[in-house]
Amino acid sequence: MLFPTFSKSRFRTRRFLLFFATCLFLSLFTLAQVTLTHRMLTGYFLSNEAPVNKSKPTLFIFERADTFEKLFQPATTTSRKPTVPNFNKEMVVGIALPPTNKPPRLSVSKVFVQDSVLTVRYIRLADTTLTKNPQSFTSQPMLLLAIPKQNVLKTKLVENGKVVETRKKEVTE
């Protein structure tokens, strides 16, 4: 009699451990970071009507072509055609920095999604070149990148390891 009881409890223990391991794996899988591929969009300039914050970086998220075209127009001064995003498969993330007469060097370090939060990390390096004649014009430094379409609730913008803006998804009815 003792043997069948021992066997049943051992089977329950194994089943519980299997269930626990499965739950743990699923919870870790859903919380994992998914690194996204991105491609830089070139050949655009920011419209004068764009709502840009004058003191810190401004984040733009575009899921439709019409809203993108309102704020970013193709640059006509360059001989190269602008890279066009495919809004059927991609969304566009735009980052506009405050205007400056010494534009910084910008590069995207990582774009990932975790817990329905899109995080865009970029590096901003100040221009340290010494010039005898300072530039008399101001430029609007910006980054435009296309990423695969995502369902996200929030977007975080991280500059040099510091969160500079968090934007919740706007609900449209």
Protein backbone atom coordinates (compact mmCIF):
# COMPACT_ATOMS: atom_id res chain seq x y z
CA MET A 1 0.00 0.00 0.00
CA LEU A 2 2.80 2.38 0.71
CA PHE A 3 4.29 1.98 -2.76
CA PRO A 4 1.27 3.17 -4.83
CA THR A 5 0.84 6.24 -2.60
CA PHE A 6 4.50 7.10 -2.99
CA SER A 7 4.21 6.74 -6.77
CA LYS A 8 1.15 9.03 -6.95
CA SER A 9 2.84 11.77 -4.91
CA ARG A 10 5.95 11.52 -7.07
CA PHE A 11 3.82 11.85 -10.21
CA ARG A 12 2.06 14.92 -8.73
CA THR A 13 5.40 16.47 -7.83
CA ARG A 14 6.74 15.94 -11.35
CA ARG A 15 3.55 17.33 -12.87
CA PHE A 16 3.72 20.38 -10.58
CA LEU A 17 7.39 20.98 -11.45
CA LEU A 18 6.61 20.66 -15.17
CA PHE A 19 3.71 23.12 -14.83
CA PHE A 20 5.88 25.54 -12.80
CA ALA A 21 8.74 25.37 -15.32
CA THR A 22 6.33 25.99 -18.21
CA CYS A 23 4.81 29.02 -16.47
CA LEU A 24 8.25 30.40 -15.67
CA PHE A 25 9.42 29.97 -19.26
CA LEU A 26 6.29 31.66 -20.65
CA SER A 27 6.60 34.60 -18.24
CA LEU A 28 10.25 35.11 -19.17
CA PHE A 29 9.41 34.81 -22.85
CA THR A 30 6.71 37.48 -22.67
CA LEU A 31 8.97 39.84 -20.72
CA ALA A 32 11.91 39.44 -23.06
CA GLN A 33 13.30 42.28 -25.13
CA VAL A 34 12.75 42.01 -28.85
CA THR A 35 15.45 43.92 -30.72
CA LEU A 36 14.05 45.48 -33.89
CA THR A 37 15.82 46.00 -37.17
CA HIS A 38 15.78 49.58 -38.32
CA ARG A 39 16.83 51.49 -41.38
CA MET A 40 17.71 55.14 -41.59
CA LEU A 41 15.59 57.39 -43.76
CA THR A 42 17.51 60.13 -45.55
CA GLY A 43 16.62 63.01 -47.82
CA TYR A 44 13.99 64.71 -45.64
CA PHE A 45 13.75 68.00 -43.79
CA LEU A 46 11.48 68.99 -40.93
CA SER A 47 8.56 71.25 -41.77
CA ASN A 48 8.29 74.68 -40.14
CA GLU A 49 4.85 73.70 -38.81
CA ALA A 50 6.22 70.76 -36.84
CA PRO A 51 5.55 71.01 -33.09
CA VAL A 52 9.18 70.92 -31.91
CA ASN A 53 10.22 71.45 -28.31
CA LYS A 54 12.89 74.17 -28.33
CA SER A 55 14.77 72.95 -25.25
CA LYS A 56 14.87 69.15 -25.54
CA PRO A 57 14.53 66.39 -28.16
CA THR A 58 11.11 65.84 -29.71
CA LEU A 59 9.83 62.37 -30.55
CA PHE A 60 7.53 61.67 -33.50
CA ILE A 61 5.81 58.34 -34.22
CA PHE A 62 4.16 57.84 -37.61
CA GLU A 63 2.01 54.88 -38.57
CA ARG A 64 0.41 56.50 -41.64
CA ALA A 65 1.92 58.22 -44.66
CA ASP A 66 -0.35 61.28 -44.58
CA THR A 67 0.72 62.34 -41.09
CA PHE A 68 4.37 61.72 -41.94
CA GLU A 69 4.18 63.85 -45.09
CA LYS A 70 2.70 66.76 -43.14
CA LEU A 71 5.81 67.12 -40.98
CA PHE A 72 8.65 65.74 -43.13
CA GLN A 73 9.10 66.85 -46.73
CA PRO A 74 11.62 65.52 -49.23
CA ALA A 75 14.70 67.73 -49.48
CA THR A 76 14.99 69.20 -52.96
CA THR A 77 18.55 70.47 -52.58
CA THR A 78 20.13 67.01 -52.69
CA SER A 79 20.59 64.97 -55.85
CA ARG A 80 19.67 61.72 -54.08
CA LYS A 81 16.08 60.59 -53.81
CA PRO A 82 14.70 60.29 -50.29
CA THR A 83 14.33 56.79 -48.88
CA VAL A 84 10.60 56.11 -48.73
CA PRO A 85 9.06 54.13 -45.86
CA ASN A 86 6.56 51.35 -46.58
CA PHE A 87 3.72 52.14 -44.20
CA ASN A 88 2.02 48.80 -44.92
CA LYS A 89 4.85 47.01 -43.11
CA GLU A 90 6.73 49.77 -41.26
CA MET A 91 6.26 52.66 -38.93
CA VAL A 92 8.54 55.69 -38.72
CA VAL A 93 10.23 57.12 -35.64
CA GLY A 94 11.48 60.69 -35.90
CA ILE A 95 13.73 62.49 -33.44
CA ALA A 96 14.20 66.24 -33.78
CA LEU A 97 16.76 67.99 -31.60
CA PRO A 98 16.76 71.70 -30.74
CA PRO A 99 18.25 73.91 -33.48
CA THR A 100 21.98 74.55 -33.20
CA ASN A 101 24.78 76.16 -35.17
CA LYS A 102 27.13 73.22 -34.42
CA PRO A 103 25.17 70.09 -35.35
CA PRO A 104 25.98 67.02 -33.25
CA ARG A 105 26.75 63.59 -34.63
CA LEU A 106 23.83 61.25 -34.06
CA SER A 107 23.63 57.47 -34.28
CA VAL A 108 21.00 54.94 -33.23
CA SER A 109 22.42 52.38 -30.85
CA LYS A 110 19.42 50.10 -30.22
CA VAL A 111 15.70 49.89 -30.91
CA PHE A 112 13.71 47.31 -28.97
CA VAL A 113 10.26 46.44 -27.61
CA GLN A 114 9.65 45.12 -24.11
CA ASP A 115 6.28 44.89 -22.35
CA SER A 116 4.56 46.89 -25.14
CA VAL A 117 7.06 49.72 -24.68
CA LEU A 118 9.12 50.76 -27.70
CA THR A 119 12.54 52.10 -26.67
CA VAL A 120 14.77 54.04 -29.04
CA ARG A 121 18.32 54.52 -27.78
CA TYR A 122 20.63 56.90 -29.59
CA ILE A 123 24.00 58.48 -29.04
CA ARG A 124 24.56 62.20 -29.38
CA LEU A 125 28.14 63.37 -29.70
CA ALA A 126 28.88 67.08 -29.64
CA ASP A 127 30.86 68.49 -32.55
CA THR A 128 34.27 69.30 -31.11
CA THR A 129 35.95 70.49 -34.27
CA LEU A 130 37.55 73.87 -33.89
CA THR A 131 36.83 76.31 -36.67
CA LYS A 132 38.14 79.82 -37.05
CA ASN A 133 34.93 80.92 -38.74
CA PRO A 134 31.88 79.80 -36.74
CA GLN A 135 28.82 78.86 -38.75
CA SER A 136 26.30 81.63 -39.07
CA PHE A 137 23.35 79.37 -39.86
CA THR A 138 21.36 77.12 -37.58
CA SER A 139 20.37 73.59 -38.45
CA GLN A 140 17.73 71.23 -37.12
CA PRO A 141 19.52 67.96 -36.27
CA MET A 142 17.24 64.95 -36.65
CA LEU A 143 17.05 61.21 -37.03
CA LEU A 144 14.43 59.36 -39.06
CA LEU A 145 14.22 55.60 -38.94
CA ALA A 146 11.80 52.98 -40.20
CA ILE A 147 11.06 49.95 -38.03
CA PRO A 148 8.69 46.99 -38.47
CA LYS A 149 5.10 47.80 -37.42
CA GLN A 150 4.52 47.23 -33.72
CA ASN A 151 1.59 47.45 -31.34
CA VAL A 152 3.02 49.55 -28.54
CA LEU A 153 1.40 51.46 -25.72
CA LYS A 154 4.36 53.71 -24.91
CA THR A 155 7.52 54.92 -26.58
CA LYS A 156 10.68 55.91 -24.70
CA LEU A 157 13.44 58.04 -26.14
CA VAL A 158 16.84 57.46 -24.52
CA GLU A 159 19.74 59.80 -25.27
CA ASN A 160 23.20 58.75 -24.07
CA GLY A 161 21.65 56.41 -21.48
CA LYS A 162 19.19 58.96 -20.08
CA VAL A 163 15.42 58.92 -20.74
CA VAL A 164 14.59 62.29 -22.34
CA GLU A 165 10.99 61.67 -23.38
CA THR A 166 8.21 59.15 -22.84
CA ARG A 167 5.12 59.30 -25.00
CA LYS A 168 1.93 57.26 -24.60
CA LYS A 169 0.15 56.07 -27.71
CA GLU A 170 -2.62 58.40 -28.75
CA VAL A 171 -5.97 56.65 -28.98
CA THR A 172 -7.86 57.49 -32.16
CA GLU A 173 -11.50 56.61 -32.56
